[in-house]
Each structure stands twice: as C-alpha cells, then as structure tokens.
Amino acid sequence: MATGVPDAGWSADDRLEGETLLGAADLAGTLHTDAAGLLERLDAEERAAPAVEVDAVVTALRVARMVLDLESFARQVR
C-alpha cells in the first residue's frame, strides 16, 4: 500500500467478487467497441455536435475498462 492503492485493489474494500469485476470489464469493453463504432460513423457523416458527446462516452468506457481490468488483475494475483 506504499502508493495509496490497496494491495488487493480498491474493490477489495467493497468485497466485490473477482468474477463480477471480469464481467463488468467485458461489458465495458463491449460498450466501448459499440460506442467507438458510433463515433466513427458520426465523424464520417460530419456530425460534429453528436460526435463530441459520444466521444466523452467512449473515453469514459475506455477508462472504466482499464480500471476494471487492473482491479481484476490485482484481485487474481492474491
């Protein structure tokens, strides 16, 4: 816990199951892929305003997937 991150990840404090983290990571990955596809389509159709809104969702899903993957990894190592 030298860097402020618990050894087993933040999810350990909330007693989340490892399988739950993996499922959430997979779901975030699927949603990210779909949202990224929509963003590409909006960019291609030059719909700037909707693309900006979808871009924020794509970024949030990408971050969620990374955090869930890291939490899952931290829990599996222990």
C-alpha atoms as a PDB file:
ATOM      1  CA  MET A   1       0.000   0.000   0.000  1.00  0.00           C
ATOM      2  CA  ALA A   2       3.025   2.258  -0.476  1.00  0.00           C
ATOM      3  CA  THR A   3       1.388   4.351  -3.235  1.00  0.00           C
ATOM      4  CA  GLY A   4      -2.023   4.689  -1.599  1.00  0.00           C
ATOM      5  CA  VAL A   5      -3.525   1.845  -3.615  1.00  0.00           C
ATOM      6  CA  PRO A   6      -4.506  -1.176  -1.531  1.00  0.00           C
ATOM      7  CA  ASP A   7      -2.569  -4.322  -2.452  1.00  0.00           C
ATOM      8  CA  ALA A   8      -5.748  -6.145  -3.466  1.00  0.00           C
ATOM      9  CA  GLY A   9      -7.193  -3.128  -5.296  1.00  0.00           C
ATOM     10  CA  TRP A  10      -9.939  -0.733  -4.244  1.00  0.00           C
ATOM     11  CA  SER A  11     -12.654  -3.269  -4.954  1.00  0.00           C
ATOM     12  CA  ALA A  12     -11.451  -5.494  -2.104  1.00  0.00           C
ATOM     13  CA  ASP A  13     -12.765  -2.958   0.399  1.00  0.00           C
ATOM     14  CA  ASP A  14     -16.204  -3.245  -1.228  1.00  0.00           C
ATOM     15  CA  ARG A  15     -15.979  -7.053  -1.215  1.00  0.00           C
ATOM     16  CA  LEU A  16     -16.665  -7.374  -4.940  1.00  0.00           C
ATOM     17  CA  GLU A  17     -16.213 -10.846  -6.388  1.00  0.00           C
ATOM     18  CA  GLY A  18     -13.470 -11.343  -8.970  1.00  0.00           C
ATOM     19  CA  GLU A  19     -15.999 -12.753 -11.443  1.00  0.00           C
ATOM     20  CA  THR A  20     -18.088  -9.609 -11.050  1.00  0.00           C
ATOM     21  CA  LEU A  21     -15.088  -7.466 -11.965  1.00  0.00           C
ATOM     22  CA  LEU A  22     -14.351  -9.596 -15.023  1.00  0.00           C
ATOM     23  CA  GLY A  23     -17.971  -9.419 -16.148  1.00  0.00           C
ATOM     24  CA  ALA A  24     -18.036  -5.655 -15.725  1.00  0.00           C
ATOM     25  CA  ALA A  25     -14.756  -5.320 -17.648  1.00  0.00           C
ATOM     26  CA  ASP A  26     -16.157  -7.411 -20.503  1.00  0.00           C
ATOM     27  CA  LEU A  27     -19.346  -5.366 -20.577  1.00  0.00           C
ATOM     28  CA  ALA A  28     -17.391  -2.101 -20.568  1.00  0.00           C
ATOM     29  CA  GLY A  29     -15.279  -3.457 -23.437  1.00  0.00           C
ATOM     30  CA  THR A  30     -18.346  -4.362 -25.486  1.00  0.00           C
ATOM     31  CA  LEU A  31     -19.964  -0.987 -24.848  1.00  0.00           C
ATOM     32  CA  HIS A  32     -16.691   0.785 -25.678  1.00  0.00           C
ATOM     33  CA  THR A  33     -16.446  -1.049 -29.008  1.00  0.00           C
ATOM     34  CA  ASP A  34     -20.033  -0.146 -29.907  1.00  0.00           C
ATOM     35  CA  ALA A  35     -19.625   3.484 -28.857  1.00  0.00           C
ATOM     36  CA  ALA A  36     -16.344   3.792 -30.768  1.00  0.00           C
ATOM     37  CA  GLY A  37     -18.086   2.453 -33.874  1.00  0.00           C
ATOM     38  CA  LEU A  38     -20.844   5.029 -33.476  1.00  0.00           C
ATOM     39  CA  LEU A  39     -18.246   7.766 -33.033  1.00  0.00           C
ATOM     40  CA  GLU A  40     -16.520   6.750 -36.273  1.00  0.00           C
ATOM     41  CA  ARG A  41     -19.845   6.833 -38.109  1.00  0.00           C
ATOM     42  CA  LEU A  42     -20.720  10.270 -36.727  1.00  0.00           C
ATOM     43  CA  ASP A  43     -17.273  11.577 -37.686  1.00  0.00           C
ATOM     44  CA  ALA A  44     -17.631  10.159 -41.197  1.00  0.00           C
ATOM     45  CA  GLU A  45     -21.026  11.822 -41.562  1.00  0.00           C
ATOM     46  CA  GLU A  46     -19.532  15.065 -40.226  1.00  0.00           C
ATOM     47  CA  ARG A  47     -21.963  15.364 -37.339  1.00  0.00           C
ATOM     48  CA  ALA A  48     -19.695  17.265 -35.013  1.00  0.00           C
ATOM     49  CA  ALA A  49     -22.034  18.024 -32.099  1.00  0.00           C
ATOM     50  CA  PRO A  50     -23.243  14.427 -31.545  1.00  0.00           C
ATOM     51  CA  ALA A  51     -19.693  13.149 -32.092  1.00  0.00           C
ATOM     52  CA  VAL A  52     -18.395  15.315 -29.250  1.00  0.00           C
ATOM     53  CA  GLU A  53     -20.975  13.864 -26.863  1.00  0.00           C
ATOM     54  CA  VAL A  54     -20.283  10.280 -27.922  1.00  0.00           C
ATOM     55  CA  ASP A  55     -16.540  10.897 -27.651  1.00  0.00           C
ATOM     56  CA  ALA A  56     -16.961  11.617 -23.932  1.00  0.00           C
ATOM     57  CA  VAL A  57     -18.794   8.298 -23.519  1.00  0.00           C
ATOM     58  CA  VAL A  58     -16.082   6.442 -25.452  1.00  0.00           C
ATOM     59  CA  THR A  59     -13.392   7.919 -23.211  1.00  0.00           C
ATOM     60  CA  ALA A  60     -15.311   7.099 -20.024  1.00  0.00           C
ATOM     61  CA  LEU A  61     -15.843   3.500 -21.140  1.00  0.00           C
ATOM     62  CA  ARG A  62     -12.174   3.136 -22.066  1.00  0.00           C
ATOM     63  CA  VAL A  63     -11.135   4.329 -18.601  1.00  0.00           C
ATOM     64  CA  ALA A  64     -13.725   2.098 -16.914  1.00  0.00           C
ATOM     65  CA  ARG A  65     -12.433  -0.928 -18.795  1.00  0.00           C
ATOM     66  CA  MET A  66      -8.834  -0.199 -17.804  1.00  0.00           C
ATOM     67  CA  VAL A  67      -9.700   0.303 -14.134  1.00  0.00           C
ATOM     68  CA  LEU A  68     -11.813  -2.855 -14.030  1.00  0.00           C
ATOM     69  CA  ASP A  69      -9.066  -4.855 -15.724  1.00  0.00           C
ATOM     70  CA  LEU A  70      -6.480  -3.563 -13.236  1.00  0.00           C
ATOM     71  CA  GLU A  71      -8.754  -4.273 -10.275  1.00  0.00           C
ATOM     72  CA  SER A  72      -9.439  -7.775 -11.596  1.00  0.00           C
ATOM     73  CA  PHE A  73      -5.718  -8.394 -12.067  1.00  0.00           C
ATOM     74  CA  ALA A  74      -4.928  -7.164  -8.563  1.00  0.00           C
ATOM     75  CA  ARG A  75      -7.527  -9.495  -7.099  1.00  0.00           C
ATOM     76  CA  GLN A  76      -6.396 -12.546  -9.071  1.00  0.00           C
ATOM     77  CA  VAL A  77      -2.746 -12.156  -8.119  1.00  0.00           C
ATOM     78  CA  ARG A  78      -3.571 -12.507  -4.412  1.00  0.00           C
END
